[in-house]
C-alpha cells in the first residue's frame, strides 16, 4: 500500500512480521509468556517493596519505581507485536504510531535517569556512608522520582510534534517490530536532515548518562577494593551487582540500537537488536533484581506466603 500525500496517510504497515499461519504462531506463544512474566515479575517486585517496611529505603524505592515503569515500557510495544503476529492486518494508525514512539521512548528515558539515580545513590551510600541518611532523605527521593518522570516525558514532546507535521508519501511500510524514529523518518517525503541533529542529541544524552553511571561505579569499586575484610567487600559489592547488571544490559542494548548514526545493519540483525532492546532486556530485569538480591527474595517469599495464607 502506498500513500501519495500527507492527507492520505492514515496508517503504517509492519512488514517484518510473518503470517500467523506460516511462522507467526512460533513467536506468539513465547512472546506472550515473556510479556506475562515481565508484568507479573515487576508487579511482584513493586508490591513486595511497597508492603515490606524493611525495604523502605532510597535504593528499593528507586527499584520499585523502575519496576513499575518496566510494566508500561513493555506494554507500549509488546501487545501490538502480539496483535501483529495473529492479525492479517499488521497495521498501526499514524496517531497510534506517534503515541507508541512517545510513550516507549519517554518511559525508556525515565528508566535511564532512574538507573543514573540508583548509581549515584549507591555511590553516596558506599563512599559517604555517614552522610547518606542526611543526603538521601525521603523528600529528596520523592522529588528525584517525580523529576525523572517529568523530564523523561517532556524532553520528547518537541520531537514528536515535529514528526507529526511531516508529510509522508510513497511506501508506508515500517521495516521494524515497533514504531521508531528512524523507520518513520525514512518514510517522510521531506528533507529530514534534522535526523542527524536528533541522532547527535540522543547520543549525547545516552553517553552522558552512561558516563555518569560508569564513573559512579568505578569510584564504588575503588572504595570496595579498599575494604580490608573479604566479607565486607562481598556485602558491599552485592548491593551494587544487580544495579550494575541492569545498567550493562539496558545501556548495551540502547547503544547497539541508537549509537550507530548512519550505519545500517542487515534486516535480521536490525530486528534482533530491537527484540533484545524491547523484549529481552526487560525480561531479565526481574530475574536480576529477585535472584541476585537476598532481601528482595525474602520480601517476595513473604508476599507469596501471605497470599497463600489468605
Protein backbone atom coordinates (compact mmCIF):
# COMPACT_ATOMS: atom_id res chain seq x y z
CA UNK A 1 0.00 0.00 0.00
CA UNK A 2 1.31 3.44 -0.87
CA UNK A 3 0.32 6.93 0.20
CA UNK A 4 0.62 9.81 -2.25
CA UNK A 5 0.30 12.77 0.08
CA UNK A 6 0.10 13.68 3.70
CA UNK A 7 -3.69 13.76 3.85
CA UNK A 8 -3.85 10.13 2.73
CA UNK A 9 -1.55 8.82 5.45
CA UNK A 10 -3.81 7.16 7.98
CA UNK A 11 -1.79 4.07 8.87
CA UNK A 12 1.56 2.32 8.57
CA UNK A 13 2.21 -1.35 7.85
CA UNK A 14 4.72 -3.50 9.78
CA UNK A 15 6.45 -5.56 7.12
CA UNK A 16 8.69 -7.76 9.28
CA UNK A 17 6.00 -9.85 11.00
CA UNK A 18 5.30 -13.30 9.50
CA UNK A 19 1.75 -14.51 8.93
CA UNK A 20 0.28 -16.47 11.84
CA UNK A 21 -0.38 -19.48 9.62
CA UNK A 22 3.24 -19.54 8.50
CA UNK A 23 5.63 -18.80 11.37
CA UNK A 24 3.72 -16.28 13.44
CA UNK A 25 2.42 -18.84 15.95
CA UNK A 26 6.02 -19.92 16.69
CA UNK A 27 6.72 -16.43 18.03
CA UNK A 28 3.33 -15.61 19.54
CA UNK A 29 3.34 -18.06 22.49
CA UNK A 30 6.96 -17.34 23.64
CA UNK A 31 6.40 -13.59 23.35
CA UNK A 32 3.12 -13.82 25.27
CA UNK A 33 4.78 -15.83 28.06
CA UNK A 34 7.68 -13.36 28.22
CA UNK A 35 5.26 -10.43 28.44
CA UNK A 36 3.24 -12.09 31.21
CA UNK A 37 6.47 -12.85 33.10
CA UNK A 38 7.67 -9.24 32.77
CA UNK A 39 4.37 -7.82 34.03
CA UNK A 40 3.99 -10.36 36.85
CA UNK A 41 7.64 -10.22 37.94
CA UNK A 42 7.83 -6.43 38.04
CA UNK A 43 4.43 -6.16 39.72
CA UNK A 44 5.57 -8.57 42.45
CA UNK A 45 8.75 -6.57 43.00
CA UNK A 46 6.79 -3.31 43.18
CA UNK A 47 4.18 -4.68 45.62
CA UNK A 48 6.75 -6.50 47.78
CA UNK A 49 8.80 -3.34 48.23
CA UNK A 50 5.74 -1.19 48.95
CA UNK A 51 4.36 -3.62 51.56
CA UNK A 52 7.62 -4.56 53.31
CA UNK A 53 8.67 -1.85 55.78
CA UNK A 54 12.20 -3.30 55.85
CA UNK A 55 12.65 -2.22 52.22
CA UNK A 56 11.50 1.34 52.70
CA UNK A 57 14.81 3.00 51.85
CA UNK A 58 16.05 5.01 48.83
CA UNK A 59 17.63 2.06 46.99
CA UNK A 60 14.49 -0.08 46.98
CA UNK A 61 12.31 2.96 46.37
CA UNK A 62 14.14 3.53 43.08
CA UNK A 63 13.89 -0.19 42.22
CA UNK A 64 10.13 -0.18 42.81
CA UNK A 65 9.62 2.83 40.53
CA UNK A 66 11.87 1.26 37.90
CA UNK A 67 9.86 -1.99 38.04
CA UNK A 68 6.59 -0.07 37.75
CA UNK A 69 7.88 1.77 34.68
CA UNK A 70 9.07 -1.51 33.12
CA UNK A 71 5.48 -2.76 33.07
CA UNK A 72 4.34 0.21 30.98
CA UNK A 73 7.56 0.30 28.93
CA UNK A 74 6.87 -3.19 27.59
CA UNK A 75 3.12 -2.56 27.34
CA UNK A 76 3.85 0.26 24.89
CA UNK A 77 5.13 -2.23 22.30
CA UNK A 78 4.63 -5.93 23.09
CA UNK A 79 0.79 -6.08 22.97
CA UNK A 80 0.91 -4.54 19.49
CA UNK A 81 3.59 -7.07 18.50
CA UNK A 82 1.32 -9.89 19.70
CA UNK A 83 -1.56 -8.42 17.73
CA UNK A 84 0.57 -8.22 14.60
CA UNK A 85 1.57 -11.87 14.95
CA UNK A 86 -2.04 -13.10 14.89
CA UNK A 87 -3.68 -10.47 12.67
CA UNK A 88 -3.69 -10.39 8.89
CA UNK A 89 -3.77 -6.58 9.02
CA UNK A 90 -0.41 -5.71 10.56
CA UNK A 91 -1.13 -2.00 10.67
CA UNK A 92 -0.99 0.90 13.07
CA UNK A 93 -2.62 4.29 12.70
CA UNK A 94 -0.50 7.39 12.20
CA UNK A 95 -1.60 8.72 15.62
CA UNK A 96 -1.07 5.32 17.22
CA UNK A 97 2.45 5.17 15.81
CA UNK A 98 3.32 8.59 17.23
CA UNK A 99 1.88 7.63 20.62
CA UNK A 100 3.82 4.36 20.65
CA UNK A 101 7.07 6.18 19.89
CA UNK A 102 6.36 8.82 22.51
CA UNK A 103 5.48 6.50 25.40
CA UNK A 104 8.12 3.88 24.58
CA UNK A 105 10.96 6.38 24.47
CA UNK A 106 9.65 8.59 27.28
CA UNK A 107 9.47 5.59 29.59
CA UNK A 108 12.90 4.45 28.37
CA UNK A 109 14.37 7.90 29.06
CA UNK A 110 12.86 7.90 32.55
CA UNK A 111 14.33 4.46 33.24
CA UNK A 112 17.75 5.64 32.09
CA UNK A 113 17.55 8.58 34.51
CA UNK A 114 16.47 6.25 37.32
CA UNK A 115 19.45 3.97 36.65
CA UNK A 116 21.67 7.03 36.95
CA UNK A 117 19.98 7.96 40.26
CA UNK A 118 20.50 4.39 41.51
CA UNK A 119 24.20 4.61 40.71
CA UNK A 120 24.52 7.96 42.50
CA UNK A 121 22.57 6.57 45.46
CA UNK A 122 24.95 3.59 45.75
CA UNK A 123 27.94 5.92 45.35
CA UNK A 124 26.80 8.07 48.29
CA UNK A 125 25.89 5.02 50.41
CA UNK A 126 29.28 3.34 49.96
CA UNK A 127 31.63 6.30 49.54
CA UNK A 128 29.95 8.64 52.07
CA UNK A 129 28.04 6.31 54.44
CA UNK A 130 27.94 8.76 57.37
CA UNK A 131 26.32 11.49 55.29
CA UNK A 132 23.99 9.15 53.40
CA UNK A 133 20.93 9.44 55.73
CA UNK A 134 21.07 13.25 55.66
CA UNK A 135 21.55 13.44 51.87
CA UNK A 136 19.14 10.78 50.57
CA UNK A 137 16.08 11.84 52.53
CA UNK A 138 12.57 10.55 51.67
CA UNK A 139 11.64 14.02 50.42
CA UNK A 140 14.63 14.16 48.08
CA UNK A 141 13.86 10.66 46.75
CA UNK A 142 10.28 11.69 46.01
CA UNK A 143 11.47 14.82 44.20
CA UNK A 144 14.02 12.81 42.18
CA UNK A 145 11.39 10.28 41.16
CA UNK A 146 8.97 13.00 40.09
CA UNK A 147 11.71 14.96 38.35
CA UNK A 148 12.91 11.96 36.35
CA UNK A 149 9.36 11.24 35.15
CA UNK A 150 8.64 14.87 34.24
CA UNK A 151 11.94 15.26 32.38
CA UNK A 152 11.63 11.88 30.65
CA UNK A 153 8.14 12.68 29.35
CA UNK A 154 8.72 16.33 28.42
CA UNK A 155 12.02 16.01 26.56
CA UNK A 156 10.48 14.16 23.61
CA UNK A 157 7.43 16.36 23.07
CA UNK A 158 9.12 18.78 20.60
CA UNK A 159 10.49 15.90 18.51
CA UNK A 160 7.14 14.09 18.36
CA UNK A 161 5.37 17.37 17.50
CA UNK A 162 7.85 17.96 14.65
CA UNK A 163 7.38 14.43 13.26
CA UNK A 164 3.59 14.88 13.35
CA UNK A 165 3.90 17.82 10.91
CA UNK A 166 5.98 15.93 8.32
CA UNK A 167 4.36 14.94 5.00
CA UNK A 168 4.56 11.24 4.12
CA UNK A 169 4.44 9.80 0.64
CA UNK A 170 5.49 6.65 -1.20
CA UNK A 171 5.74 3.46 0.83
CA UNK A 172 4.14 3.33 4.26
CA UNK A 173 5.82 0.07 5.30
CA UNK A 174 7.79 0.10 8.57
CA UNK A 175 10.70 -2.33 8.49
CA UNK A 176 10.81 -2.78 12.26
CA UNK A 177 8.82 -4.53 15.02
CA UNK A 178 7.57 -1.26 16.54
CA UNK A 179 7.33 2.39 15.57
CA UNK A 180 10.71 4.03 15.97
CA UNK A 181 12.21 7.31 14.88
CA UNK A 182 14.49 6.15 12.07
CA UNK A 183 12.00 3.86 10.25
CA UNK A 184 9.31 6.57 10.37
CA UNK A 185 11.56 9.43 9.30
CA UNK A 186 12.82 7.34 6.38
CA UNK A 187 9.25 7.36 5.03
CA UNK A 188 8.87 11.15 5.09
CA UNK A 189 8.88 12.84 1.67
CA UNK A 190 10.54 15.95 3.07
CA UNK A 191 14.14 16.76 3.87
CA UNK A 192 14.79 15.11 7.23
CA UNK A 193 18.31 16.38 7.74
CA UNK A 194 17.16 17.06 11.28
CA UNK A 195 17.60 13.32 11.77
CA UNK A 196 21.35 13.86 12.18
CA UNK A 197 20.71 16.50 14.84
CA UNK A 198 18.32 14.07 16.52
CA UNK A 199 20.96 11.32 16.45
CA UNK A 200 23.54 13.65 17.98
CA UNK A 201 21.15 14.74 20.75
CA UNK A 202 20.26 11.11 21.52
CA UNK A 203 23.92 10.11 21.52
CA UNK A 204 24.90 12.96 23.88
CA UNK A 205 22.07 12.08 26.29
CA UNK A 206 22.85 8.34 26.25
CA UNK A 207 26.60 8.78 26.57
CA UNK A 208 26.31 11.43 29.30
CA UNK A 209 24.06 9.20 31.40
CA UNK A 210 26.25 6.14 30.79
CA UNK A 211 29.41 8.09 31.72
CA UNK A 212 27.89 9.34 34.98
CA UNK A 213 26.84 5.81 35.90
CA UNK A 214 30.20 4.34 34.87
CA UNK A 215 32.10 6.96 36.87
CA UNK A 216 29.95 6.24 39.94
CA UNK A 217 30.58 2.50 39.75
CA UNK A 218 34.31 2.95 39.14
CA UNK A 219 34.50 5.05 42.31
CA UNK A 220 32.35 2.48 44.15
CA UNK A 221 34.55 -0.45 43.08
CA UNK A 222 37.67 1.51 44.08
CA UNK A 223 36.27 2.05 47.58
CA UNK A 224 35.08 -1.58 47.87
CA UNK A 225 38.54 -2.90 47.00
CA UNK A 226 39.97 -0.93 49.92
CA UNK A 227 37.71 -2.66 52.45
CA UNK A 228 40.03 -4.90 54.50
CA UNK A 229 37.71 -7.84 55.16
CA UNK A 230 36.57 -10.21 52.42
CA UNK A 231 33.10 -10.42 53.96
CA UNK A 232 32.81 -6.63 53.95
CA UNK A 233 33.82 -6.43 50.30
CA UNK A 234 31.32 -9.11 49.29
CA UNK A 235 28.49 -7.44 51.20
CA UNK A 236 29.24 -4.03 49.68
CA UNK A 237 29.56 -5.40 46.17
CA UNK A 238 26.36 -7.45 46.44
CA UNK A 239 24.32 -4.27 46.92
CA UNK A 240 25.62 -2.93 43.60
CA UNK A 241 25.82 -6.10 41.50
CA UNK A 242 22.17 -6.12 40.44
CA UNK A 243 22.22 -2.42 39.53
CA UNK A 244 25.40 -2.87 37.54
CA UNK A 245 23.95 -5.87 35.67
CA UNK A 246 20.79 -3.96 34.73
CA UNK A 247 22.89 -0.96 33.67
CA UNK A 248 25.07 -3.05 31.35
CA UNK A 249 22.05 -4.83 29.88
CA UNK A 250 19.99 -1.66 29.39
CA UNK A 251 22.68 0.63 28.00
CA UNK A 252 24.33 -2.15 25.99
CA UNK A 253 21.13 -2.72 24.04
CA UNK A 254 20.46 1.04 23.82
CA UNK A 255 23.96 1.60 22.42
CA UNK A 256 23.54 -1.06 19.74
CA UNK A 257 20.14 0.33 18.81
CA UNK A 258 20.79 4.07 18.72
CA UNK A 259 24.53 4.85 18.74
CA UNK A 260 25.09 3.92 15.12
CA UNK A 261 24.22 7.15 13.26
CA UNK A 262 24.21 6.41 9.51
CA UNK A 263 25.46 2.83 9.92
CA UNK A 264 22.95 0.18 8.89
CA UNK A 265 22.52 -3.43 9.95
CA UNK A 266 21.19 -6.30 7.83
CA UNK A 267 17.40 -6.66 8.37
CA UNK A 268 17.83 -9.78 10.53
CA UNK A 269 20.27 -8.12 12.93
CA UNK A 270 18.25 -4.92 12.98
CA UNK A 271 15.21 -6.87 14.14
CA UNK A 272 17.27 -9.00 16.56
CA UNK A 273 18.70 -5.89 18.25
CA UNK A 274 15.22 -4.39 18.52
CA UNK A 275 13.95 -7.60 20.16
CA UNK A 276 16.84 -7.55 22.64
CA UNK A 277 16.21 -3.88 23.39
CA UNK A 278 12.40 -4.01 23.71
CA UNK A 279 11.82 -7.59 24.95
CA UNK A 280 14.82 -9.44 26.39
CA UNK A 281 16.32 -6.56 28.37
CA UNK A 282 13.05 -6.04 30.34
CA UNK A 283 12.69 -9.84 30.65
CA UNK A 284 15.96 -10.23 32.57
CA UNK A 285 15.47 -7.28 34.92
CA UNK A 286 13.01 -9.00 37.33
CA UNK A 287 15.30 -12.05 37.38
CA UNK A 288 18.33 -9.94 38.23
CA UNK A 289 16.61 -7.98 40.98
CA UNK A 290 14.93 -11.00 42.57
CA UNK A 291 17.60 -13.71 42.27
CA UNK A 292 20.70 -11.61 42.97
CA UNK A 293 19.25 -9.78 45.97
CA UNK A 294 18.74 -11.64 49.25
CA UNK A 295 16.44 -9.01 50.79
CA UNK A 296 14.32 -8.90 47.64
CA UNK A 297 13.98 -12.70 47.54
CA UNK A 298 12.87 -12.77 51.18
CA UNK A 299 10.36 -9.96 50.61
CA UNK A 300 8.82 -11.81 47.64
CA UNK A 301 8.65 -15.04 49.69
CA UNK A 302 6.85 -13.20 52.48
CA UNK A 303 4.44 -11.70 49.94
CA UNK A 304 3.68 -15.10 48.41
CA UNK A 305 3.31 -16.77 51.80
CA UNK A 306 0.88 -14.04 52.89
CA UNK A 307 -1.25 -14.60 49.77
CA UNK A 308 -1.26 -18.37 50.33
CA UNK A 309 -2.27 -17.93 53.96
CA UNK A 310 -5.19 -15.78 52.89
